[in-house]
Amino acid sequence: MLAELPGILIWALSGLDRLSTGDMFTQPAASADAILALQDLVSPVAAFVRDRCQVGAAYEIKIADLFADWRLWWEDNGISRAPSRRSAVTCER
């Protein structure tokens, strides 16, 4: 491994140079699914909106219908315990 150290150093410095000029890490396309899965774990509501909702000023839905669909989505996705309507409405405020 000692023979490889100069090459590893050059590789690391090249990466540092790319990071310095680009101001960000390169994100491989293969990691997009993993990132989305982690976001879904953090925010099931965002996952529901992405999966089941059309978002925009032109769209409307009754709160009761939205909540009913949300609970079904929650159960269909095996999330352990869907919040009650009271706690969901409290969170909106």
PDB file of N, CA and C in Angstrom:
ATOM      1  N   MET A   1       0.818  -1.182   0.000  1.00  0.00           N
ATOM      2  CA  MET A   1       0.000   0.000   0.000  1.00  0.00           C
ATOM      3  C   MET A   1       0.871   1.259   0.000  1.00  0.00           C
ATOM      4  N   LEU A   2       2.056   1.175   0.580  1.00  0.00           N
ATOM      5  CA  LEU A   2       2.932   2.343   0.614  1.00  0.00           C
ATOM      6  C   LEU A   2       3.283   2.820  -0.789  1.00  0.00           C
ATOM      7  N   ALA A   3       3.399   1.892  -1.722  1.00  0.00           N
ATOM      8  CA  ALA A   3       3.720   2.264  -3.099  1.00  0.00           C
ATOM      9  C   ALA A   3       2.582   3.067  -3.743  1.00  0.00           C
ATOM     10  N   GLU A   4       1.362   2.899  -3.249  1.00  0.00           N
ATOM     11  CA  GLU A   4       0.199   3.581  -3.808  1.00  0.00           C
ATOM     12  C   GLU A   4      -0.033   4.967  -3.211  1.00  0.00           C
ATOM     13  N   LEU A   5       0.659   5.304  -2.115  1.00  0.00           N
ATOM     14  CA  LEU A   5       0.413   6.575  -1.426  1.00  0.00           C
ATOM     15  C   LEU A   5       0.567   7.811  -2.317  1.00  0.00           C
ATOM     16  N   PRO A   6       1.584   7.915  -3.158  1.00  0.00           N
ATOM     17  CA  PRO A   6       1.671   9.108  -4.020  1.00  0.00           C
ATOM     18  C   PRO A   6       0.458   9.247  -4.942  1.00  0.00           C
ATOM     19  N   GLY A   7      -0.018   8.156  -5.490  1.00  0.00           N
ATOM     20  CA  GLY A   7      -1.198   8.191  -6.361  1.00  0.00           C
ATOM     21  C   GLY A   7      -2.455   8.572  -5.599  1.00  0.00           C
ATOM     22  N   ILE A   8      -2.582   8.052  -4.382  1.00  0.00           N
ATOM     23  CA  ILE A   8      -3.733   8.380  -3.548  1.00  0.00           C
ATOM     24  C   ILE A   8      -3.719   9.865  -3.186  1.00  0.00           C
ATOM     25  N   LEU A   9      -2.537  10.398  -2.881  1.00  0.00           N
ATOM     26  CA  LEU A   9      -2.417  11.818  -2.556  1.00  0.00           C
ATOM     27  C   LEU A   9      -2.812  12.683  -3.754  1.00  0.00           C
ATOM     28  N   ILE A  10      -2.333  12.331  -4.934  1.00  0.00           N
ATOM     29  CA  ILE A  10      -2.687  13.084  -6.145  1.00  0.00           C
ATOM     30  C   ILE A  10      -4.198  13.018  -6.384  1.00  0.00           C
ATOM     31  N   TRP A  11      -4.781  11.838  -6.218  1.00  0.00           N
ATOM     32  CA  TRP A  11      -6.221  11.649  -6.389  1.00  0.00           C
ATOM     33  C   TRP A  11      -6.993  12.513  -5.386  1.00  0.00           C
ATOM     34  N   ALA A  12      -6.555  12.517  -4.122  1.00  0.00           N
ATOM     35  CA  ALA A  12      -7.227  13.304  -3.084  1.00  0.00           C
ATOM     36  C   ALA A  12      -7.105  14.797  -3.367  1.00  0.00           C
ATOM     37  N   LEU A  13      -5.924  15.242  -3.778  1.00  0.00           N
ATOM     38  CA  LEU A  13      -5.739  16.665  -4.076  1.00  0.00           C
ATOM     39  C   LEU A  13      -6.544  17.091  -5.303  1.00  0.00           C
ATOM     40  N   SER A  14      -6.661  16.227  -6.291  1.00  0.00           N
ATOM     41  CA  SER A  14      -7.502  16.522  -7.460  1.00  0.00           C
ATOM     42  C   SER A  14      -8.961  16.677  -7.039  1.00  0.00           C
ATOM     43  N   GLY A  15      -9.404  15.800  -6.158  1.00  0.00           N
ATOM     44  CA  GLY A  15     -10.770  15.896  -5.641  1.00  0.00           C
ATOM     45  C   GLY A  15     -10.991  17.180  -4.858  1.00  0.00           C
ATOM     46  N   LEU A  16     -10.010  17.553  -4.054  1.00  0.00           N
ATOM     47  CA  LEU A  16     -10.098  18.804  -3.294  1.00  0.00           C
ATOM     48  C   LEU A  16     -10.169  20.002  -4.232  1.00  0.00           C
ATOM     49  N   ASP A  17      -9.376  19.955  -5.303  1.00  0.00           N
ATOM     50  CA  ASP A  17      -9.398  21.043  -6.283  1.00  0.00           C
ATOM     51  C   ASP A  17     -10.768  21.144  -6.950  1.00  0.00           C
ATOM     52  N   ARG A  18     -11.345  20.010  -7.340  1.00  0.00           N
ATOM     53  CA  ARG A  18     -12.687  20.021  -7.943  1.00  0.00           C
ATOM     54  C   ARG A  18     -13.720  20.556  -6.964  1.00  0.00           C
ATOM     55  N   LEU A  19     -13.608  20.164  -5.715  1.00  0.00           N
ATOM     56  CA  LEU A  19     -14.539  20.640  -4.687  1.00  0.00           C
ATOM     57  C   LEU A  19     -14.399  22.140  -4.485  1.00  0.00           C
ATOM     58  N   SER A  20     -13.178  22.620  -4.482  1.00  0.00           N
ATOM     59  CA  SER A  20     -12.932  24.047  -4.281  1.00  0.00           C
ATOM     60  C   SER A  20     -13.486  24.885  -5.420  1.00  0.00           C
ATOM     61  N   THR A  21     -13.367  24.422  -6.643  1.00  0.00           N
ATOM     62  CA  THR A  21     -13.848  25.208  -7.788  1.00  0.00           C
ATOM     63  C   THR A  21     -15.344  25.053  -8.000  1.00  0.00           C
ATOM     64  N   GLY A  22     -15.900  23.919  -7.636  1.00  0.00           N
ATOM     65  CA  GLY A  22     -17.323  23.678  -7.858  1.00  0.00           C
ATOM     66  C   GLY A  22     -18.190  24.016  -6.670  1.00  0.00           C
ATOM     67  N   ASP A  23     -17.586  24.201  -5.520  1.00  0.00           N
ATOM     68  CA  ASP A  23     -18.297  24.557  -4.291  1.00  0.00           C
ATOM     69  C   ASP A  23     -19.271  23.483  -3.804  1.00  0.00           C
ATOM     70  N   MET A  24     -19.172  22.275  -4.338  1.00  0.00           N
ATOM     71  CA  MET A  24     -20.057  21.220  -3.867  1.00  0.00           C
ATOM     72  C   MET A  24     -19.503  19.853  -4.258  1.00  0.00           C
ATOM     73  N   PHE A  25     -19.994  18.826  -3.575  1.00  0.00           N
ATOM     74  CA  PHE A  25     -19.616  17.472  -3.911  1.00  0.00           C
ATOM     75  C   PHE A  25     -20.407  17.029  -5.141  1.00  0.00           C
ATOM     76  N   THR A  26     -19.808  16.185  -5.945  1.00  0.00           N
ATOM     77  CA  THR A  26     -20.515  15.592  -7.068  1.00  0.00           C
ATOM     78  C   THR A  26     -21.423  14.501  -6.528  1.00  0.00           C
ATOM     79  N   GLN A  27     -22.699  14.565  -6.890  1.00  0.00           N
ATOM     80  CA  GLN A  27     -23.653  13.572  -6.412  1.00  0.00           C
ATOM     81  C   GLN A  27     -23.920  12.572  -7.523  1.00  0.00           C
ATOM     82  N   PRO A  28     -23.527  11.315  -7.331  1.00  0.00           N
ATOM     83  CA  PRO A  28     -23.778  10.324  -8.370  1.00  0.00           C
ATOM     84  C   PRO A  28     -25.277  10.067  -8.535  1.00  0.00           C
ATOM     85  N   ALA A  29     -25.694   9.810  -9.768  1.00  0.00           N
ATOM     86  CA  ALA A  29     -27.106   9.560 -10.056  1.00  0.00           C
ATOM     87  C   ALA A  29     -27.621   8.359  -9.262  1.00  0.00           C
ATOM     88  N   ALA A  30     -26.758   7.401  -9.001  1.00  0.00           N
ATOM     89  CA  ALA A  30     -27.161   6.191  -8.280  1.00  0.00           C
ATOM     90  C   ALA A  30     -27.603   6.488  -6.852  1.00  0.00           C
ATOM     91  N   SER A  31     -27.174   7.614  -6.288  1.00  0.00           N
ATOM     92  CA  SER A  31     -27.541   7.915  -4.906  1.00  0.00           C
ATOM     93  C   SER A  31     -28.883   8.632  -4.786  1.00  0.00           C
ATOM     94  N   ALA A  32     -29.490   9.024  -5.899  1.00  0.00           N
ATOM     95  CA  ALA A  32     -30.757   9.768  -5.853  1.00  0.00           C
ATOM     96  C   ALA A  32     -31.856   8.977  -5.147  1.00  0.00           C
ATOM     97  N   ASP A  33     -31.959   7.674  -5.414  1.00  0.00           N
ATOM     98  CA  ASP A  33     -32.986   6.850  -4.760  1.00  0.00           C
ATOM     99  C   ASP A  33     -32.751   6.754  -3.260  1.00  0.00           C
ATOM    100  N   ALA A  34     -31.503   6.620  -2.858  1.00  0.00           N
ATOM    101  CA  ALA A  34     -31.186   6.534  -1.433  1.00  0.00           C
ATOM    102  C   ALA A  34     -31.514   7.844  -0.724  1.00  0.00           C
ATOM    103  N   ILE A  35     -31.211   8.956  -1.367  1.00  0.00           N
ATOM    104  CA  ILE A  35     -31.516  10.262  -0.766  1.00  0.00           C
ATOM    105  C   ILE A  35     -33.019  10.437  -0.638  1.00  0.00           C
ATOM    106  N   LEU A  36     -33.771  10.064  -1.657  1.00  0.00           N
ATOM    107  CA  LEU A  36     -35.225  10.166  -1.609  1.00  0.00           C
ATOM    108  C   LEU A  36     -35.799   9.284  -0.502  1.00  0.00           C
ATOM    109  N   ALA A  37     -35.259   8.084  -0.336  1.00  0.00           N
ATOM    110  CA  ALA A  37     -35.728   7.190   0.730  1.00  0.00           C
ATOM    111  C   ALA A  37     -35.469   7.793   2.108  1.00  0.00           C
ATOM    112  N   LEU A  38     -34.312   8.411   2.295  1.00  0.00           N
ATOM    113  CA  LEU A  38     -34.016   9.060   3.572  1.00  0.00           C
ATOM    114  C   LEU A  38     -34.937  10.251   3.820  1.00  0.00           C
ATOM    115  N   GLN A  39     -35.228  11.026   2.773  1.00  0.00           N
ATOM    116  CA  GLN A  39     -36.150  12.143   2.919  1.00  0.00           C
ATOM    117  C   GLN A  39     -37.537  11.645   3.301  1.00  0.00           C
ATOM    118  N   ASP A  40     -37.966  10.525   2.726  1.00  0.00           N
ATOM    119  CA  ASP A  40     -39.270   9.954   3.059  1.00  0.00           C
ATOM    120  C   ASP A  40     -39.333   9.506   4.516  1.00  0.00           C
ATOM    121  N   LEU A  41     -38.218   8.973   5.020  1.00  0.00           N
ATOM    122  CA  LEU A  41     -38.186   8.574   6.430  1.00  0.00           C
ATOM    123  C   LEU A  41     -38.323   9.782   7.347  1.00  0.00           C
ATOM    124  N   VAL A  42     -37.701  10.872   6.971  1.00  0.00           N
ATOM    125  CA  VAL A  42     -37.726  12.078   7.795  1.00  0.00           C
ATOM    126  C   VAL A  42     -39.084  12.757   7.714  1.00  0.00           C
ATOM    127  N   SER A  43     -39.699  12.752   6.541  1.00  0.00           N
ATOM    128  CA  SER A  43     -40.961  13.461   6.354  1.00  0.00           C
ATOM    129  C   SER A  43     -41.950  12.625   5.550  1.00  0.00           C
ATOM    130  N   PRO A  44     -42.731  11.772   6.233  1.00  0.00           N
ATOM    131  CA  PRO A  44     -43.748  10.993   5.517  1.00  0.00           C
ATOM    132  C   PRO A  44     -44.791  11.888   4.841  1.00  0.00           C
ATOM    133  N   VAL A  45     -45.040  13.060   5.380  1.00  0.00           N
ATOM    134  CA  VAL A  45     -46.013  13.965   4.765  1.00  0.00           C
ATOM    135  C   VAL A  45     -45.514  14.407   3.386  1.00  0.00           C
ATOM    136  N   ALA A  46     -44.232  14.742   3.278  1.00  0.00           N
ATOM    137  CA  ALA A  46     -43.671  15.124   1.987  1.00  0.00           C
ATOM    138  C   ALA A  46     -43.749  13.961   1.003  1.00  0.00           C
ATOM    139  N   ALA A  47     -43.530  12.746   1.477  1.00  0.00           N
ATOM    140  CA  ALA A  47     -43.632  11.572   0.613  1.00  0.00           C
ATOM    141  C   ALA A  47     -45.071  11.397   0.124  1.00  0.00           C
ATOM    142  N   PHE A  48     -46.041  11.599   1.013  1.00  0.00           N
ATOM    143  CA  PHE A  48     -47.452  11.521   0.632  1.00  0.00           C
ATOM    144  C   PHE A  48     -47.780  12.554  -0.435  1.00  0.00           C
ATOM    145  N   VAL A  49     -47.349  13.785  -0.223  1.00  0.00           N
ATOM    146  CA  VAL A  49     -47.631  14.852  -1.185  1.00  0.00           C
ATOM    147  C   VAL A  49     -47.020  14.504  -2.542  1.00  0.00           C
ATOM    148  N   ARG A  50     -45.804  14.023  -2.559  1.00  0.00           N
ATOM    149  CA  ARG A  50     -45.151  13.658  -3.817  1.00  0.00           C
ATOM    150  C   ARG A  50     -45.881  12.501  -4.502  1.00  0.00           C
ATOM    151  N   ASP A  51     -46.324  11.504  -3.718  1.00  0.00           N
ATOM    152  CA  ASP A  51     -46.956  10.313  -4.283  1.00  0.00           C
ATOM    153  C   ASP A  51     -48.400  10.532  -4.723  1.00  0.00           C
ATOM    154  N   ARG A  52     -49.142  11.312  -3.955  1.00  0.00           N
ATOM    155  CA  ARG A  52     -50.588  11.348  -4.163  1.00  0.00           C
ATOM    156  C   ARG A  52     -51.184  12.694  -4.545  1.00  0.00           C
ATOM    157  N   CYS A  53     -50.442  13.762  -4.498  1.00  0.00           N
ATOM    158  CA  CYS A  53     -51.039  15.082  -4.677  1.00  0.00           C
ATOM    159  C   CYS A  53     -50.538  15.777  -5.941  1.00  0.00           C
ATOM    160  N   GLN A  54     -51.411  16.566  -6.504  1.00  0.00           N
ATOM    161  CA  GLN A  54     -51.035  17.509  -7.545  1.00  0.00           C
ATOM    162  C   GLN A  54     -51.031  18.864  -6.864  1.00  0.00           C
ATOM    163  N   VAL A  55     -49.916  19.542  -6.925  1.00  0.00           N
ATOM    164  CA  VAL A  55     -49.741  20.778  -6.173  1.00  0.00           C
ATOM    165  C   VAL A  55     -49.791  21.970  -7.119  1.00  0.00           C
ATOM    166  N   GLY A  56     -50.552  22.975  -6.716  1.00  0.00           N
ATOM    167  CA  GLY A  56     -50.623  24.199  -7.496  1.00  0.00           C
ATOM    168  C   GLY A  56     -51.861  24.986  -7.131  1.00  0.00           C
ATOM    169  N   ALA A  57     -51.880  26.227  -7.539  1.00  0.00           N
ATOM    170  CA  ALA A  57     -52.992  27.113  -7.204  1.00  0.00           C
ATOM    171  C   ALA A  57     -54.310  26.649  -7.824  1.00  0.00           C
ATOM    172  N   ALA A  58     -54.262  25.883  -8.881  1.00  0.00           N
ATOM    173  CA  ALA A  58     -55.471  25.456  -9.576  1.00  0.00           C
ATOM    174  C   ALA A  58     -56.148  24.251  -8.922  1.00  0.00           C
ATOM    175  N   TYR A  59     -55.500  23.641  -7.942  1.00  0.00           N
ATOM    176  CA  TYR A  59     -56.025  22.413  -7.346  1.00  0.00           C
ATOM    177  C   TYR A  59     -56.671  22.689  -5.993  1.00  0.00           C
ATOM    178  N   GLU A  60     -57.789  21.993  -5.748  1.00  0.00           N
ATOM    179  CA  GLU A  60     -58.485  22.094  -4.467  1.00  0.00           C
ATOM    180  C   GLU A  60     -58.921  20.703  -4.024  1.00  0.00           C
ATOM    181  N   ILE A  61     -59.058  20.539  -2.707  1.00  0.00           N
ATOM    182  CA  ILE A  61     -59.590  19.306  -2.147  1.00  0.00           C
ATOM    183  C   ILE A  61     -60.153  19.630  -0.773  1.00  0.00           C
ATOM    184  N   LYS A  62     -61.206  18.944  -0.408  1.00  0.00           N
ATOM    185  CA  LYS A  62     -61.760  19.123   0.935  1.00  0.00           C
ATOM    186  C   LYS A  62     -60.792  18.511   1.934  1.00  0.00           C
ATOM    187  N   ILE A  63     -60.663  19.153   3.079  1.00  0.00           N
ATOM    188  CA  ILE A  63     -59.734  18.675   4.110  1.00  0.00           C
ATOM    189  C   ILE A  63     -60.056  17.245   4.504  1.00  0.00           C
ATOM    190  N   ALA A  64     -61.335  16.925   4.669  1.00  0.00           N
ATOM    191  CA  ALA A  64     -61.733  15.568   5.080  1.00  0.00           C
ATOM    192  C   ALA A  64     -61.299  14.543   4.031  1.00  0.00           C
ATOM    193  N   ASP A  65     -61.436  14.884   2.753  1.00  0.00           N
ATOM    194  CA  ASP A  65     -61.031  13.953   1.688  1.00  0.00           C
ATOM    195  C   ASP A  65     -59.509  13.783   1.661  1.00  0.00           C
ATOM    196  N   LEU A  66     -58.792  14.880   1.818  1.00  0.00           N
ATOM    197  CA  LEU A  66     -57.335  14.815   1.853  1.00  0.00           C
ATOM    198  C   LEU A  66     -56.856  13.973   3.029  1.00  0.00           C
ATOM    199  N   PHE A  67     -57.460  14.191   4.188  1.00  0.00           N
ATOM    200  CA  PHE A  67     -57.051  13.439   5.368  1.00  0.00           C
ATOM    201  C   PHE A  67     -57.364  11.954   5.212  1.00  0.00           C
ATOM    202  N   ALA A  68     -58.528  11.634   4.635  1.00  0.00           N
ATOM    203  CA  ALA A  68     -58.896  10.229   4.426  1.00  0.00           C
ATOM    204  C   ALA A  68     -57.890   9.553   3.488  1.00  0.00           C
ATOM    205  N   ASP A  69     -57.516  10.235   2.420  1.00  0.00           N
ATOM    206  CA  ASP A  69     -56.530   9.673   1.493  1.00  0.00           C
ATOM    207  C   ASP A  69     -55.174   9.536   2.164  1.00  0.00           C
ATOM    208  N   TRP A  70     -54.830  10.509   3.002  1.00  0.00           N
ATOM    209  CA  TRP A  70     -53.564  10.459   3.731  1.00  0.00           C
ATOM    210  C   TRP A  70     -53.509   9.238   4.643  1.00  0.00           C
ATOM    211  N   ARG A  71     -54.598   8.993   5.372  1.00  0.00           N
ATOM    212  CA  ARG A  71     -54.625   7.822   6.266  1.00  0.00           C
ATOM    213  C   ARG A  71     -54.493   6.523   5.466  1.00  0.00           C
ATOM    214  N   LEU A  72     -55.188   6.434   4.322  1.00  0.00           N
ATOM    215  CA  LEU A  72     -55.065   5.233   3.488  1.00  0.00           C
ATOM    216  C   LEU A  72     -53.641   5.058   2.989  1.00  0.00           C
ATOM    217  N   TRP A  73     -53.030   6.151   2.547  1.00  0.00           N
ATOM    218  CA  TRP A  73     -51.647   6.092   2.082  1.00  0.00           C
ATOM    219  C   TRP A  73     -50.736   5.640   3.213  1.00  0.00           C
ATOM    220  N   TRP A  74     -50.964   6.190   4.397  1.00  0.00           N
ATOM    221  CA  TRP A  74     -50.170   5.864   5.579  1.00  0.00           C
ATOM    222  C   TRP A  74     -50.223   4.363   5.840  1.00  0.00           C
ATOM    223  N   GLU A  75     -51.445   3.808   5.822  1.00  0.00           N
ATOM    224  CA  GLU A  75     -51.618   2.374   6.080  1.00  0.00           C
ATOM    225  C   GLU A  75     -51.029   1.533   4.943  1.00  0.00           C
ATOM    226  N   ASP A  76     -51.257   1.949   3.691  1.00  0.00           N
ATOM    227  CA  ASP A  76     -50.740   1.212   2.533  1.00  0.00           C
ATOM    228  C   ASP A  76     -49.217   1.123   2.542  1.00  0.00           C
ATOM    229  N   ASN A  77     -48.570   2.119   3.120  1.00  0.00           N
ATOM    230  CA  ASN A  77     -47.112   2.153   3.156  1.00  0.00           C
ATOM    231  C   ASN A  77     -46.541   1.548   4.429  1.00  0.00           C
ATOM    232  N   GLY A  78     -47.398   0.958   5.245  1.00  0.00           N
ATOM    233  CA  GLY A  78     -46.937   0.229   6.420  1.00  0.00           C
ATOM    234  C   GLY A  78     -46.335   1.089   7.506  1.00  0.00           C
ATOM    235  N   ILE A  79     -46.713   2.353   7.531  1.00  0.00           N
ATOM    236  CA  ILE A  79     -46.221   3.219   8.599  1.00  0.00           C
ATOM    237  C   ILE A  79     -47.005   2.869   9.852  1.00  0.00           C
ATOM    238  N   SER A  80     -46.308   2.691  10.955  1.00  0.00           N
ATOM    239  CA  SER A  80     -46.869   2.053  12.139  1.00  0.00           C
ATOM    240  C   SER A  80     -48.151   2.682  12.670  1.00  0.00           C
ATOM    241  N   ARG A  81     -48.195   3.985  12.776  1.00  0.00           N
ATOM    242  CA  ARG A  81     -49.382   4.573  13.393  1.00  0.00           C
ATOM    243  C   ARG A  81     -49.676   5.923  12.748  1.00  0.00           C
ATOM    244  N   ALA A  82     -50.810   6.000  12.073  1.00  0.00           N
ATOM    245  CA  ALA A  82     -51.202   7.266  11.456  1.00  0.00           C
ATOM    246  C   ALA A  82     -51.687   8.223  12.537  1.00  0.00           C
ATOM    247  N   PRO A  83     -51.328   9.477  12.426  1.00  0.00           N
ATOM    248  CA  PRO A  83     -51.801  10.450  13.405  1.00  0.00           C
ATOM    249  C   PRO A  83     -53.303  10.649  13.313  1.00  0.00           C
ATOM    250  N   SER A  84     -53.888  11.102  14.392  1.00  0.00           N
ATOM    251  CA  SER A  84     -55.311  11.396  14.392  1.00  0.00           C
ATOM    252  C   SER A  84     -55.573  12.676  13.625  1.00  0.00           C
ATOM    253  N   ARG A  85     -56.820  12.906  13.223  1.00  0.00           N
ATOM    254  CA  ARG A  85     -57.147  14.127  12.493  1.00  0.00           C
ATOM    255  C   ARG A  85     -56.872  15.338  13.373  1.00  0.00           C
ATOM    256  N   ARG A  86     -57.134  15.219  14.657  1.00  0.00           N
ATOM    257  CA  ARG A  86     -56.917  16.338  15.577  1.00  0.00           C
ATOM    258  C   ARG A  86     -55.428  16.731  15.608  1.00  0.00           C
ATOM    259  N   SER A  87     -54.535  15.744  15.700  1.00  0.00           N
ATOM    260  CA  SER A  87     -53.108  16.075  15.748  1.00  0.00           C
ATOM    261  C   SER A  87     -52.620  16.604  14.400  1.00  0.00           C
ATOM    262  N   ALA A  88     -53.199  16.111  13.306  1.00  0.00           N
ATOM    263  CA  ALA A  88     -52.804  16.590  11.978  1.00  0.00           C
ATOM    264  C   ALA A  88     -53.221  18.040  11.779  1.00  0.00           C
ATOM    265  N   VAL A  89     -54.430  18.369  12.225  1.00  0.00           N
ATOM    266  CA  VAL A  89     -54.904  19.751  12.089  1.00  0.00           C
ATOM    267  C   VAL A  89     -54.109  20.674  12.991  1.00  0.00           C
ATOM    268  N   THR A  90     -53.755  20.196  14.190  1.00  0.00           N
ATOM    269  CA  THR A  90     -52.949  21.002  15.100  1.00  0.00           C
ATOM    270  C   THR A  90     -51.601  21.323  14.479  1.00  0.00           C
ATOM    271  N   CYS A  91     -50.994  20.374  13.758  1.00  0.00           N
ATOM    272  CA  CYS A  91     -49.685  20.582  13.152  1.00  0.00           C
ATOM    273  C   CYS A  91     -49.731  21.609  12.028  1.00  0.00           C
ATOM    274  N   GLU A  92     -50.896  21.770  11.392  1.00  0.00           N
ATOM    275  CA  GLU A  92     -51.005  22.697  10.265  1.00  0.00           C
ATOM    276  C   GLU A  92     -50.922  24.152  10.720  1.00  0.00           C
ATOM    277  N   ARG A  93     -51.280  24.434  11.918  1.00  0.00           N
ATOM    278  CA  ARG A  93     -51.339  25.817  12.377  1.00  0.00           C
ATOM    279  C   ARG A  93     -50.006  26.402  12.652  1.00  0.00           C
TER     280      ARG A  93
END
